[in-house]
Amino acid sequence: MSIVTVSSRELNQDLSRAKRAALAGPVFITDRGRPAHVLLSIEAYEKLVGKTRNLVEALAMPGLSEIEFDPLKSEIASRSADLG
């Protein structure tokens, strides 16, 4: 894993180079010579924090179509109201 350091100015001038470098390892971005940010690939980020599901993935419920669901039909009879 290589670590690349770029200044904020270099990042603004050649973002694609920093993105390519982030595929190989973290890219440290400096402001006035001091580390200020780190650019990571999404794979490295997910590995770092642990992959979590988003709301859409959580609600998708994979495999749900394989479950048979046949609810009982209920019959509701109407009756007149007793207002007395």
PDB file of N, CA and C in Angstrom:
ATOM      1  N   MET A   1       0.853  -1.172   0.000  1.00  0.00           N
ATOM      2  CA  MET A   1       0.000   0.000   0.000  1.00  0.00           C
ATOM      3  C   MET A   1       0.899   1.235   0.000  1.00  0.00           C
ATOM      4  N   SER A   2       0.697   2.070  -0.983  1.00  0.00           N
ATOM      5  CA  SER A   2       1.473   3.303  -1.048  1.00  0.00           C
ATOM      6  C   SER A   2       0.674   4.456  -0.453  1.00  0.00           C
ATOM      7  N   ILE A   3       1.385   5.393   0.133  1.00  0.00           N
ATOM      8  CA  ILE A   3       0.746   6.585   0.687  1.00  0.00           C
ATOM      9  C   ILE A   3       1.235   7.777  -0.121  1.00  0.00           C
ATOM     10  N   VAL A   4       0.310   8.521  -0.671  1.00  0.00           N
ATOM     11  CA  VAL A   4       0.626   9.672  -1.494  1.00  0.00           C
ATOM     12  C   VAL A   4       0.207  10.925  -0.734  1.00  0.00           C
ATOM     13  N   THR A   5       1.002  11.977  -0.837  1.00  0.00           N
ATOM     14  CA  THR A   5       0.665  13.258  -0.233  1.00  0.00           C
ATOM     15  C   THR A   5       0.583  14.305  -1.331  1.00  0.00           C
ATOM     16  N   VAL A   6      -0.519  15.045  -1.345  1.00  0.00           N
ATOM     17  CA  VAL A   6      -0.681  16.141  -2.311  1.00  0.00           C
ATOM     18  C   VAL A   6      -1.159  17.377  -1.563  1.00  0.00           C
ATOM     19  N   SER A   7      -0.801  18.527  -2.086  1.00  0.00           N
ATOM     20  CA  SER A   7      -1.291  19.767  -1.490  1.00  0.00           C
ATOM     21  C   SER A   7      -2.699  20.038  -2.008  1.00  0.00           C
ATOM     22  N   SER A   8      -3.413  20.902  -1.328  1.00  0.00           N
ATOM     23  CA  SER A   8      -4.758  21.272  -1.785  1.00  0.00           C
ATOM     24  C   SER A   8      -4.702  21.859  -3.183  1.00  0.00           C
ATOM     25  N   ARG A   9      -3.666  22.629  -3.442  1.00  0.00           N
ATOM     26  CA  ARG A   9      -3.506  23.234  -4.770  1.00  0.00           C
ATOM     27  C   ARG A   9      -3.307  22.163  -5.838  1.00  0.00           C
ATOM     28  N   GLU A  10      -2.440  21.181  -5.559  1.00  0.00           N
ATOM     29  CA  GLU A  10      -2.221  20.080  -6.510  1.00  0.00           C
ATOM     30  C   GLU A  10      -3.504  19.292  -6.735  1.00  0.00           C
ATOM     31  N   LEU A  11      -4.265  19.100  -5.679  1.00  0.00           N
ATOM     32  CA  LEU A  11      -5.531  18.374  -5.788  1.00  0.00           C
ATOM     33  C   LEU A  11      -6.480  19.113  -6.718  1.00  0.00           C
ATOM     34  N   ASN A  12      -6.582  20.418  -6.549  1.00  0.00           N
ATOM     35  CA  ASN A  12      -7.462  21.216  -7.414  1.00  0.00           C
ATOM     36  C   ASN A  12      -7.006  21.189  -8.868  1.00  0.00           C
ATOM     37  N   GLN A  13      -5.713  21.103  -9.095  1.00  0.00           N
ATOM     38  CA  GLN A  13      -5.187  21.118 -10.458  1.00  0.00           C
ATOM     39  C   GLN A  13      -5.288  19.762 -11.148  1.00  0.00           C
ATOM     40  N   ASP A  14      -5.251  18.659 -10.370  1.00  0.00           N
ATOM     41  CA  ASP A  14      -5.256  17.324 -10.980  1.00  0.00           C
ATOM     42  C   ASP A  14      -5.978  16.327 -10.069  1.00  0.00           C
ATOM     43  N   LEU A  15      -7.276  16.487  -9.981  1.00  0.00           N
ATOM     44  CA  LEU A  15      -8.076  15.604  -9.132  1.00  0.00           C
ATOM     45  C   LEU A  15      -8.036  14.155  -9.613  1.00  0.00           C
ATOM     46  N   SER A  16      -8.016  13.956 -10.915  1.00  0.00           N
ATOM     47  CA  SER A  16      -8.015  12.577 -11.436  1.00  0.00           C
ATOM     48  C   SER A  16      -6.776  11.808 -10.992  1.00  0.00           C
ATOM     49  N   ARG A  17      -5.632  12.468 -10.892  1.00  0.00           N
ATOM     50  CA  ARG A  17      -4.412  11.798 -10.414  1.00  0.00           C
ATOM     51  C   ARG A  17      -4.581  11.353  -8.969  1.00  0.00           C
ATOM     52  N   ALA A  18      -5.179  12.200  -8.140  1.00  0.00           N
ATOM     53  CA  ALA A  18      -5.395  11.855  -6.737  1.00  0.00           C
ATOM     54  C   ALA A  18      -6.385  10.698  -6.613  1.00  0.00           C
ATOM     55  N   LYS A  19      -7.408  10.702  -7.446  1.00  0.00           N
ATOM     56  CA  LYS A  19      -8.387   9.603  -7.410  1.00  0.00           C
ATOM     57  C   LYS A  19      -7.745   8.282  -7.821  1.00  0.00           C
ATOM     58  N   ARG A  20      -6.887   8.316  -8.838  1.00  0.00           N
ATOM     59  CA  ARG A  20      -6.177   7.093  -9.259  1.00  0.00           C
ATOM     60  C   ARG A  20      -5.245   6.616  -8.149  1.00  0.00           C
ATOM     61  N   ALA A  21      -4.571   7.556  -7.497  1.00  0.00           N
ATOM     62  CA  ALA A  21      -3.653   7.192  -6.408  1.00  0.00           C
ATOM     63  C   ALA A  21      -4.421   6.585  -5.235  1.00  0.00           C
ATOM     64  N   ALA A  22      -5.649   7.046  -4.998  1.00  0.00           N
ATOM     65  CA  ALA A  22      -6.454   6.535  -3.887  1.00  0.00           C
ATOM     66  C   ALA A  22      -6.842   5.072  -4.086  1.00  0.00           C
ATOM     67  N   LEU A  23      -6.798   4.594  -5.316  1.00  0.00           N
ATOM     68  CA  LEU A  23      -7.086   3.180  -5.562  1.00  0.00           C
ATOM     69  C   LEU A  23      -5.988   2.279  -5.004  1.00  0.00           C
ATOM     70  N   ALA A  24      -4.783   2.818  -4.859  1.00  0.00           N
ATOM     71  CA  ALA A  24      -3.650   2.045  -4.343  1.00  0.00           C
ATOM     72  C   ALA A  24      -3.452   2.229  -2.848  1.00  0.00           C
ATOM     73  N   GLY A  25      -3.994   3.303  -2.283  1.00  0.00           N
ATOM     74  CA  GLY A  25      -3.817   3.566  -0.858  1.00  0.00           C
ATOM     75  C   GLY A  25      -4.293   4.962  -0.516  1.00  0.00           C
ATOM     76  N   PRO A  26      -4.226   5.328   0.749  1.00  0.00           N
ATOM     77  CA  PRO A  26      -4.724   6.646   1.152  1.00  0.00           C
ATOM     78  C   PRO A  26      -3.909   7.787   0.541  1.00  0.00           C
ATOM     79  N   VAL A  27      -4.602   8.875   0.241  1.00  0.00           N
ATOM     80  CA  VAL A  27      -3.966  10.075  -0.283  1.00  0.00           C
ATOM     81  C   VAL A  27      -4.145  11.171   0.766  1.00  0.00           C
ATOM     82  N   PHE A  28      -3.030  11.635   1.316  1.00  0.00           N
ATOM     83  CA  PHE A  28      -3.080  12.711   2.303  1.00  0.00           C
ATOM     84  C   PHE A  28      -3.097  14.045   1.575  1.00  0.00           C
ATOM     85  N   ILE A  29      -4.025  14.895   1.942  1.00  0.00           N
ATOM     86  CA  ILE A  29      -4.162  16.213   1.334  1.00  0.00           C
ATOM     87  C   ILE A  29      -3.745  17.241   2.379  1.00  0.00           C
ATOM     88  N   THR A  30      -2.805  18.091   2.008  1.00  0.00           N
ATOM     89  CA  THR A  30      -2.272  19.050   2.970  1.00  0.00           C
ATOM     90  C   THR A  30      -2.769  20.460   2.687  1.00  0.00           C
ATOM     91  N   ASP A  31      -2.896  21.239   3.740  1.00  0.00           N
ATOM     92  CA  ASP A  31      -3.165  22.668   3.673  1.00  0.00           C
ATOM     93  C   ASP A  31      -2.001  23.369   4.353  1.00  0.00           C
ATOM     94  N   ARG A  32      -1.300  24.192   3.606  1.00  0.00           N
ATOM     95  CA  ARG A  32      -0.137  24.909   4.125  1.00  0.00           C
ATOM     96  C   ARG A  32       0.886  23.965   4.764  1.00  0.00           C
ATOM     97  N   GLY A  33       1.075  22.809   4.128  1.00  0.00           N
ATOM     98  CA  GLY A  33       2.085  21.864   4.580  1.00  0.00           C
ATOM     99  C   GLY A  33       1.665  20.928   5.695  1.00  0.00           C
ATOM    100  N   ARG A  34       0.446  21.087   6.206  1.00  0.00           N
ATOM    101  CA  ARG A  34      -0.026  20.224   7.307  1.00  0.00           C
ATOM    102  C   ARG A  34      -1.138  19.311   6.809  1.00  0.00           C
ATOM    103  N   PRO A  35      -1.116  18.031   7.162  1.00  0.00           N
ATOM    104  CA  PRO A  35      -2.182  17.117   6.738  1.00  0.00           C
ATOM    105  C   PRO A  35      -3.544  17.633   7.202  1.00  0.00           C
ATOM    106  N   ALA A  36      -4.493  17.679   6.269  1.00  0.00           N
ATOM    107  CA  ALA A  36      -5.822  18.199   6.581  1.00  0.00           C
ATOM    108  C   ALA A  36      -6.929  17.196   6.259  1.00  0.00           C
ATOM    109  N   HIS A  37      -6.724  16.388   5.228  1.00  0.00           N
ATOM    110  CA  HIS A  37      -7.756  15.440   4.794  1.00  0.00           C
ATOM    111  C   HIS A  37      -7.091  14.169   4.273  1.00  0.00           C
ATOM    112  N   VAL A  38      -7.909  13.128   4.158  1.00  0.00           N
ATOM    113  CA  VAL A  38      -7.431  11.873   3.561  1.00  0.00           C
ATOM    114  C   VAL A  38      -8.468  11.433   2.536  1.00  0.00           C
ATOM    115  N   LEU A  39      -7.996  11.094   1.348  1.00  0.00           N
ATOM    116  CA  LEU A  39      -8.855  10.588   0.283  1.00  0.00           C
ATOM    117  C   LEU A  39      -8.675   9.076   0.211  1.00  0.00           C
ATOM    118  N   LEU A  40      -9.801   8.354   0.285  1.00  0.00           N
ATOM    119  CA  LEU A  40      -9.786   6.887   0.223  1.00  0.00           C
ATOM    120  C   LEU A  40     -10.708   6.406  -0.879  1.00  0.00           C
ATOM    121  N   SER A  41     -10.428   5.232  -1.407  1.00  0.00           N
ATOM    122  CA  SER A  41     -11.389   4.589  -2.303  1.00  0.00           C
ATOM    123  C   SER A  41     -12.565   4.131  -1.442  1.00  0.00           C
ATOM    124  N   ILE A  42     -13.693   3.911  -2.069  1.00  0.00           N
ATOM    125  CA  ILE A  42     -14.872   3.468  -1.304  1.00  0.00           C
ATOM    126  C   ILE A  42     -14.620   2.095  -0.682  1.00  0.00           C
ATOM    127  N   GLU A  43     -13.873   1.248  -1.359  1.00  0.00           N
ATOM    128  CA  GLU A  43     -13.571  -0.075  -0.805  1.00  0.00           C
ATOM    129  C   GLU A  43     -12.726   0.051   0.461  1.00  0.00           C
ATOM    130  N   ALA A  44     -11.733   0.936   0.433  1.00  0.00           N
ATOM    131  CA  ALA A  44     -10.894   1.134   1.620  1.00  0.00           C
ATOM    132  C   ALA A  44     -11.710   1.734   2.758  1.00  0.00           C
ATOM    133  N   TYR A  45     -12.599   2.659   2.424  1.00  0.00           N
ATOM    134  CA  TYR A  45     -13.448   3.271   3.456  1.00  0.00           C
ATOM    135  C   TYR A  45     -14.356   2.237   4.099  1.00  0.00           C
ATOM    136  N   GLU A  46     -15.023   1.409   3.292  1.00  0.00           N
ATOM    137  CA  GLU A  46     -15.921   0.382   3.830  1.00  0.00           C
ATOM    138  C   GLU A  46     -15.151  -0.628   4.675  1.00  0.00           C
ATOM    139  N   LYS A  47     -13.940  -0.945   4.259  1.00  0.00           N
ATOM    140  CA  LYS A  47     -13.105  -1.861   5.045  1.00  0.00           C
ATOM    141  C   LYS A  47     -12.750  -1.236   6.395  1.00  0.00           C
ATOM    142  N   LEU A  48     -12.491   0.064   6.380  1.00  0.00           N
ATOM    143  CA  LEU A  48     -12.123   0.787   7.590  1.00  0.00           C
ATOM    144  C   LEU A  48     -13.279   0.876   8.590  1.00  0.00           C
ATOM    145  N   VAL A  49     -14.468   1.213   8.111  1.00  0.00           N
ATOM    146  CA  VAL A  49     -15.603   1.425   9.014  1.00  0.00           C
ATOM    147  C   VAL A  49     -16.529   0.226   9.111  1.00  0.00           C
ATOM    148  N   GLY A  50     -16.353  -0.743   8.247  1.00  0.00           N
ATOM    149  CA  GLY A  50     -17.261  -1.883   8.233  1.00  0.00           C
ATOM    150  C   GLY A  50     -18.439  -1.560   7.332  1.00  0.00           C
ATOM    151  N   LYS A  51     -18.753  -2.458   6.444  1.00  0.00           N
ATOM    152  CA  LYS A  51     -19.843  -2.228   5.487  1.00  0.00           C
ATOM    153  C   LYS A  51     -21.155  -2.204   6.222  1.00  0.00           C
ATOM    154  N   THR A  52     -21.928  -1.160   6.010  1.00  0.00           N
ATOM    155  CA  THR A  52     -23.260  -1.059   6.588  1.00  0.00           C
ATOM    156  C   THR A  52     -24.281  -0.964   5.472  1.00  0.00           C
ATOM    157  N   ARG A  53     -25.482  -1.427   5.757  1.00  0.00           N
ATOM    158  CA  ARG A  53     -26.541  -1.351   4.755  1.00  0.00           C
ATOM    159  C   ARG A  53     -27.204   0.013   4.814  1.00  0.00           C
ATOM    160  N   ASN A  54     -27.601   0.507   3.656  1.00  0.00           N
ATOM    161  CA  ASN A  54     -28.379   1.733   3.649  1.00  0.00           C
ATOM    162  C   ASN A  54     -29.854   1.369   3.783  1.00  0.00           C
ATOM    163  N   LEU A  55     -30.717   2.347   3.897  1.00  0.00           N
ATOM    164  CA  LEU A  55     -32.133   2.100   4.127  1.00  0.00           C
ATOM    165  C   LEU A  55     -32.759   1.291   2.992  1.00  0.00           C
ATOM    166  N   VAL A  56     -32.401   1.590   1.767  1.00  0.00           N
ATOM    167  CA  VAL A  56     -32.963   0.859   0.629  1.00  0.00           C
ATOM    168  C   VAL A  56     -32.571  -0.607   0.683  1.00  0.00           C
ATOM    169  N   GLU A  57     -31.304  -0.887   0.993  1.00  0.00           N
ATOM    170  CA  GLU A  57     -30.852  -2.279   1.083  1.00  0.00           C
ATOM    171  C   GLU A  57     -31.542  -2.997   2.236  1.00  0.00           C
ATOM    172  N   ALA A  58     -31.736  -2.305   3.354  1.00  0.00           N
ATOM    173  CA  ALA A  58     -32.383  -2.928   4.512  1.00  0.00           C
ATOM    174  C   ALA A  58     -33.841  -3.255   4.223  1.00  0.00           C
ATOM    175  N   LEU A  59     -34.523  -2.373   3.490  1.00  0.00           N
ATOM    176  CA  LEU A  59     -35.936  -2.604   3.191  1.00  0.00           C
ATOM    177  C   LEU A  59     -36.150  -3.553   2.024  1.00  0.00           C
ATOM    178  N   ALA A  60     -35.128  -3.775   1.210  1.00  0.00           N
ATOM    179  CA  ALA A  60     -35.265  -4.654   0.049  1.00  0.00           C
ATOM    180  C   ALA A  60     -35.550  -6.088   0.481  1.00  0.00           C
ATOM    181  N   MET A  61     -35.002  -6.506   1.608  1.00  0.00           N
ATOM    182  CA  MET A  61     -35.215  -7.838   2.165  1.00  0.00           C
ATOM    183  C   MET A  61     -35.018  -8.931   1.121  1.00  0.00           C
ATOM    184  N   PRO A  62     -33.769  -9.166   0.682  1.00  0.00           N
ATOM    185  CA  PRO A  62     -33.508 -10.200  -0.320  1.00  0.00           C
ATOM    186  C   PRO A  62     -34.054 -11.548   0.125  1.00  0.00           C
ATOM    187  N   GLY A  63     -34.596 -12.301  -0.825  1.00  0.00           N
ATOM    188  CA  GLY A  63     -35.134 -13.616  -0.528  1.00  0.00           C
ATOM    189  C   GLY A  63     -36.594 -13.591  -0.100  1.00  0.00           C
ATOM    190  N   LEU A  64     -37.164 -12.394   0.032  1.00  0.00           N
ATOM    191  CA  LEU A  64     -38.555 -12.292   0.478  1.00  0.00           C
ATOM    192  C   LEU A  64     -39.504 -12.926  -0.522  1.00  0.00           C
ATOM    193  N   SER A  65     -39.175 -12.876  -1.799  1.00  0.00           N
ATOM    194  CA  SER A  65     -40.057 -13.438  -2.821  1.00  0.00           C
ATOM    195  C   SER A  65     -40.173 -14.953  -2.701  1.00  0.00           C
ATOM    196  N   GLU A  66     -39.245 -15.597  -1.991  1.00  0.00           N
ATOM    197  CA  GLU A  66     -39.275 -17.046  -1.834  1.00  0.00           C
ATOM    198  C   GLU A  66     -40.228 -17.483  -0.724  1.00  0.00           C
ATOM    199  N   ILE A  67     -40.663 -16.550   0.100  1.00  0.00           N
ATOM    200  CA  ILE A  67     -41.558 -16.867   1.214  1.00  0.00           C
ATOM    201  C   ILE A  67     -42.997 -16.869   0.714  1.00  0.00           C
ATOM    202  N   GLU A  68     -43.709 -17.932   1.024  1.00  0.00           N
ATOM    203  CA  GLU A  68     -45.120 -17.999   0.638  1.00  0.00           C
ATOM    204  C   GLU A  68     -45.946 -17.280   1.680  1.00  0.00           C
ATOM    205  N   PHE A  69     -46.826 -16.428   1.215  1.00  0.00           N
ATOM    206  CA  PHE A  69     -47.672 -15.655   2.114  1.00  0.00           C
ATOM    207  C   PHE A  69     -49.085 -15.690   1.564  1.00  0.00           C
ATOM    208  N   ASP A  70     -49.977 -16.361   2.278  1.00  0.00           N
ATOM    209  CA  ASP A  70     -51.365 -16.477   1.858  1.00  0.00           C
ATOM    210  C   ASP A  70     -52.235 -16.139   3.062  1.00  0.00           C
ATOM    211  N   PRO A  71     -52.509 -14.853   3.285  1.00  0.00           N
ATOM    212  CA  PRO A  71     -53.284 -14.475   4.466  1.00  0.00           C
ATOM    213  C   PRO A  71     -54.727 -14.960   4.372  1.00  0.00           C
ATOM    214  N   LEU A  72     -55.317 -15.227   5.530  1.00  0.00           N
ATOM    215  CA  LEU A  72     -56.712 -15.626   5.584  1.00  0.00           C
ATOM    216  C   LEU A  72     -57.591 -14.439   5.221  1.00  0.00           C
ATOM    217  N   LYS A  73     -58.638 -14.698   4.487  1.00  0.00           N
ATOM    218  CA  LYS A  73     -59.587 -13.655   4.124  1.00  0.00           C
ATOM    219  C   LYS A  73     -60.561 -13.477   5.291  1.00  0.00           C
ATOM    220  N   SER A  74     -60.775 -12.255   5.669  1.00  0.00           N
ATOM    221  CA  SER A  74     -61.741 -12.018   6.748  1.00  0.00           C
ATOM    222  C   SER A  74     -63.017 -11.456   6.148  1.00  0.00           C
ATOM    223  N   GLU A  75     -64.107 -11.843   6.741  1.00  0.00           N
ATOM    224  CA  GLU A  75     -65.389 -11.338   6.282  1.00  0.00           C
ATOM    225  C   GLU A  75     -65.924 -10.414   7.365  1.00  0.00           C
ATOM    226  N   ILE A  76     -66.151  -9.191   7.002  1.00  0.00           N
ATOM    227  CA  ILE A  76     -66.672  -8.204   7.943  1.00  0.00           C
ATOM    228  C   ILE A  76     -68.095  -7.887   7.547  1.00  0.00           C
ATOM    229  N   ALA A  77     -68.987  -8.193   8.453  1.00  0.00           N
ATOM    230  CA  ALA A  77     -70.404  -7.923   8.190  1.00  0.00           C
ATOM    231  C   ALA A  77     -70.769  -6.573   8.798  1.00  0.00           C
ATOM    232  N   SER A  78     -71.575  -5.814   8.080  1.00  0.00           N
ATOM    233  CA  SER A  78     -72.007  -4.526   8.629  1.00  0.00           C
ATOM    234  C   SER A  78     -73.258  -4.719   9.452  1.00  0.00           C
ATOM    235  N   ARG A  79     -73.452  -3.852  10.394  1.00  0.00           N
ATOM    236  CA  ARG A  79     -74.667  -3.894  11.216  1.00  0.00           C
ATOM    237  C   ARG A  79     -75.085  -2.458  11.487  1.00  0.00           C
ATOM    238  N   SER A  80     -76.309  -2.290  11.833  1.00  0.00           N
ATOM    239  CA  SER A  80     -76.799  -0.941  12.076  1.00  0.00           C
ATOM    240  C   SER A  80     -76.322  -0.451  13.440  1.00  0.00           C
ATOM    241  N   ALA A  81     -76.127   0.818  13.535  1.00  0.00           N
ATOM    242  CA  ALA A  81     -75.621   1.420  14.775  1.00  0.00           C
ATOM    243  C   ALA A  81     -76.751   1.556  15.788  1.00  0.00           C
ATOM    244  N   ASP A  82     -76.438   1.304  17.042  1.00  0.00           N
ATOM    245  CA  ASP A  82     -77.409   1.467  18.123  1.00  0.00           C
ATOM    246  C   ASP A  82     -77.147   2.840  18.750  1.00  0.00           C
ATOM    247  N   LEU A  83     -77.974   3.799  18.416  1.00  0.00           N
ATOM    248  CA  LEU A  83     -77.783   5.169  18.906  1.00  0.00           C
ATOM    249  C   LEU A  83     -78.663   5.481  20.104  1.00  0.00           C
ATOM    250  N   GLY A  84     -79.301   4.514  20.670  1.00  0.00           N
ATOM    251  CA  GLY A  84     -80.262   4.776  21.743  1.00  0.00           C
ATOM    252  C   GLY A  84     -79.774   4.600  23.097  1.00  0.00           C
TER     253      GLY A  84
END
